[in-house]
């Protein structure tokens, strides 16, 4: 019975590209070529990743000076926007408290 249903089935039920009984997609030569290129690229990346540029001893603390300089630049740029300090004498100078009436 199942063999008869399978052999006499006229089409794929529902959407033909999704689901349990979907139509298999044809593999083209472009697909094969792209897959091979992708695998070659991945193999090259693994090759370069497996060989470190620096030893762990060289890598330890190699960027500390650069990071400190970058932090100083950021800090200076933030403080350059900050207004200058003002003293109370600057705020109260218009009152002229020390002047006498006679002079």
C-alpha atoms as a PDB file:
ATOM      1  CA  UNK A   1       0.000   0.000   0.000  1.00  0.00           C
ATOM      2  CA  UNK A   2       2.740   2.455   0.951  1.00  0.00           C
ATOM      3  CA  UNK A   3       4.703   1.558  -2.175  1.00  0.00           C
ATOM      4  CA  UNK A   4       1.639   2.244  -4.331  1.00  0.00           C
ATOM      5  CA  UNK A   5       1.081   5.621  -2.652  1.00  0.00           C
ATOM      6  CA  UNK A   6       4.720   6.527  -3.127  1.00  0.00           C
ATOM      7  CA  UNK A   7       4.833   5.477  -6.782  1.00  0.00           C
ATOM      8  CA  UNK A   8       1.515   7.044  -7.758  1.00  0.00           C
ATOM      9  CA  UNK A   9       1.973  10.346  -5.956  1.00  0.00           C
ATOM     10  CA  UNK A  10       1.607  13.163  -8.458  1.00  0.00           C
ATOM     11  CA  UNK A  11       3.488  15.926  -6.631  1.00  0.00           C
ATOM     12  CA  UNK A  12       4.879  17.316  -3.437  1.00  0.00           C
ATOM     13  CA  UNK A  13       2.189  18.274  -0.918  1.00  0.00           C
ATOM     14  CA  UNK A  14       2.265  21.861   0.280  1.00  0.00           C
ATOM     15  CA  UNK A  15       5.207  24.123  -0.458  1.00  0.00           C
ATOM     16  CA  UNK A  16       7.748  22.357  -2.619  1.00  0.00           C
ATOM     17  CA  UNK A  17      10.926  23.811  -1.036  1.00  0.00           C
ATOM     18  CA  UNK A  18      10.137  23.439   2.690  1.00  0.00           C
ATOM     19  CA  UNK A  19       8.813  20.705   4.951  1.00  0.00           C
ATOM     20  CA  UNK A  20       9.339  17.020   5.483  1.00  0.00           C
ATOM     21  CA  UNK A  21       8.491  16.004   1.897  1.00  0.00           C
ATOM     22  CA  UNK A  22      10.228  18.856   0.136  1.00  0.00           C
ATOM     23  CA  UNK A  23      11.696  18.708  -3.328  1.00  0.00           C
ATOM     24  CA  UNK A  24      15.452  18.181  -3.209  1.00  0.00           C
ATOM     25  CA  UNK A  25      17.472  21.042  -4.611  1.00  0.00           C
ATOM     26  CA  UNK A  26      19.709  20.361  -7.605  1.00  0.00           C
ATOM     27  CA  UNK A  27      23.426  20.809  -6.944  1.00  0.00           C
ATOM     28  CA  UNK A  28      25.018  22.918  -9.682  1.00  0.00           C
ATOM     29  CA  UNK A  29      28.664  23.314 -10.607  1.00  0.00           C
ATOM     30  CA  UNK A  30      28.580  26.887  -9.262  1.00  0.00           C
ATOM     31  CA  UNK A  31      27.469  25.595  -5.878  1.00  0.00           C
ATOM     32  CA  UNK A  32      30.311  23.076  -5.867  1.00  0.00           C
ATOM     33  CA  UNK A  33      32.811  25.756  -6.916  1.00  0.00           C
ATOM     34  CA  UNK A  34      31.634  28.160  -4.189  1.00  0.00           C
ATOM     35  CA  UNK A  35      31.820  25.426  -1.562  1.00  0.00           C
ATOM     36  CA  UNK A  36      35.348  24.503  -2.602  1.00  0.00           C
ATOM     37  CA  UNK A  37      36.407  28.184  -2.518  1.00  0.00           C
ATOM     38  CA  UNK A  38      34.857  28.573   0.927  1.00  0.00           C
ATOM     39  CA  UNK A  39      36.664  25.484   2.243  1.00  0.00           C
ATOM     40  CA  UNK A  40      39.990  26.659   0.781  1.00  0.00           C
ATOM     41  CA  UNK A  41      39.545  30.083   2.398  1.00  0.00           C
ATOM     42  CA  UNK A  42      38.701  28.444   5.711  1.00  0.00           C
ATOM     43  CA  UNK A  43      41.773  26.184   5.477  1.00  0.00           C
ATOM     44  CA  UNK A  44      43.999  29.217   4.816  1.00  0.00           C
ATOM     45  CA  UNK A  45      42.496  31.064   7.778  1.00  0.00           C
ATOM     46  CA  UNK A  46      43.130  28.069  10.033  1.00  0.00           C
ATOM     47  CA  UNK A  47      46.713  27.924   8.753  1.00  0.00           C
ATOM     48  CA  UNK A  48      47.376  31.553   9.703  1.00  0.00           C
ATOM     49  CA  UNK A  49      45.536  31.310  13.015  1.00  0.00           C
ATOM     50  CA  UNK A  50      47.586  28.258  14.041  1.00  0.00           C
ATOM     51  CA  UNK A  51      50.864  30.237  13.773  1.00  0.00           C
ATOM     52  CA  UNK A  52      50.968  33.096  16.284  1.00  0.00           C
ATOM     53  CA  UNK A  53      52.692  36.345  15.366  1.00  0.00           C
ATOM     54  CA  UNK A  54      54.174  36.861  18.836  1.00  0.00           C
ATOM     55  CA  UNK A  55      55.193  34.517  21.616  1.00  0.00           C
ATOM     56  CA  UNK A  56      53.220  34.758  24.869  1.00  0.00           C
ATOM     57  CA  UNK A  57      56.239  36.483  26.487  1.00  0.00           C
ATOM     58  CA  UNK A  58      56.327  39.144  23.762  1.00  0.00           C
ATOM     59  CA  UNK A  59      52.583  39.548  23.838  1.00  0.00           C
ATOM     60  CA  UNK A  60      52.421  40.210  27.590  1.00  0.00           C
ATOM     61  CA  UNK A  61      52.160  43.972  28.121  1.00  0.00           C
ATOM     62  CA  UNK A  62      53.166  44.901  24.569  1.00  0.00           C
ATOM     63  CA  UNK A  63      50.370  47.457  24.190  1.00  0.00           C
ATOM     64  CA  UNK A  64      50.483  49.024  27.655  1.00  0.00           C
ATOM     65  CA  UNK A  65      52.326  52.170  26.523  1.00  0.00           C
ATOM     66  CA  UNK A  66      50.040  52.705  23.527  1.00  0.00           C
ATOM     67  CA  UNK A  67      46.943  52.221  25.655  1.00  0.00           C
ATOM     68  CA  UNK A  68      48.243  54.686  28.241  1.00  0.00           C
ATOM     69  CA  UNK A  69      48.908  57.300  25.532  1.00  0.00           C
ATOM     70  CA  UNK A  70      45.428  56.762  24.065  1.00  0.00           C
ATOM     71  CA  UNK A  71      43.865  57.154  27.503  1.00  0.00           C
ATOM     72  CA  UNK A  72      45.779  60.407  28.077  1.00  0.00           C
ATOM     73  CA  UNK A  73      44.556  61.763  24.734  1.00  0.00           C
ATOM     74  CA  UNK A  74      40.957  60.903  25.602  1.00  0.00           C
ATOM     75  CA  UNK A  75      41.300  62.460  29.040  1.00  0.00           C
ATOM     76  CA  UNK A  76      42.848  65.649  27.647  1.00  0.00           C
ATOM     77  CA  UNK A  77      40.117  65.967  25.025  1.00  0.00           C
ATOM     78  CA  UNK A  78      37.442  65.668  27.723  1.00  0.00           C
ATOM     79  CA  UNK A  79      39.145  68.213  29.975  1.00  0.00           C
ATOM     80  CA  UNK A  80      39.637  70.652  27.091  1.00  0.00           C
ATOM     81  CA  UNK A  81      35.847  71.020  26.867  1.00  0.00           C
ATOM     82  CA  UNK A  82      35.569  71.589  30.619  1.00  0.00           C
ATOM     83  CA  UNK A  83      35.353  75.269  31.686  1.00  0.00           C
ATOM     84  CA  UNK A  84      38.222  76.779  33.679  1.00  0.00           C
ATOM     85  CA  UNK A  85      38.110  77.032  37.459  1.00  0.00           C
ATOM     86  CA  UNK A  86      36.681  80.228  38.896  1.00  0.00           C
ATOM     87  CA  UNK A  87      37.372  81.569  42.362  1.00  0.00           C
ATOM     88  CA  UNK A  88      34.909  83.248  44.679  1.00  0.00           C
ATOM     89  CA  UNK A  89      36.794  86.545  44.284  1.00  0.00           C
ATOM     90  CA  UNK A  90      35.931  86.435  40.569  1.00  0.00           C
ATOM     91  CA  UNK A  91      32.271  85.938  41.364  1.00  0.00           C
ATOM     92  CA  UNK A  92      32.116  88.625  44.062  1.00  0.00           C
ATOM     93  CA  UNK A  93      34.470  91.205  42.542  1.00  0.00           C
ATOM     94  CA  UNK A  94      31.548  93.354  41.403  1.00  0.00           C
ATOM     95  CA  UNK A  95      30.591  93.996  45.036  1.00  0.00           C
ATOM     96  CA  UNK A  96      33.808  95.960  45.774  1.00  0.00           C
ATOM     97  CA  UNK A  97      33.621  95.290  49.501  1.00  0.00           C
ATOM     98  CA  UNK A  98      37.073  96.647  50.299  1.00  0.00           C
ATOM     99  CA  UNK A  99      36.552 100.107  48.762  1.00  0.00           C
ATOM    100  CA  UNK A 100      35.761 102.942  51.073  1.00  0.00           C
ATOM    101  CA  UNK A 101      33.329 105.806  50.396  1.00  0.00           C
ATOM    102  CA  UNK A 102      35.934 108.499  50.571  1.00  0.00           C
ATOM    103  CA  UNK A 103      38.206 107.238  47.864  1.00  0.00           C
END
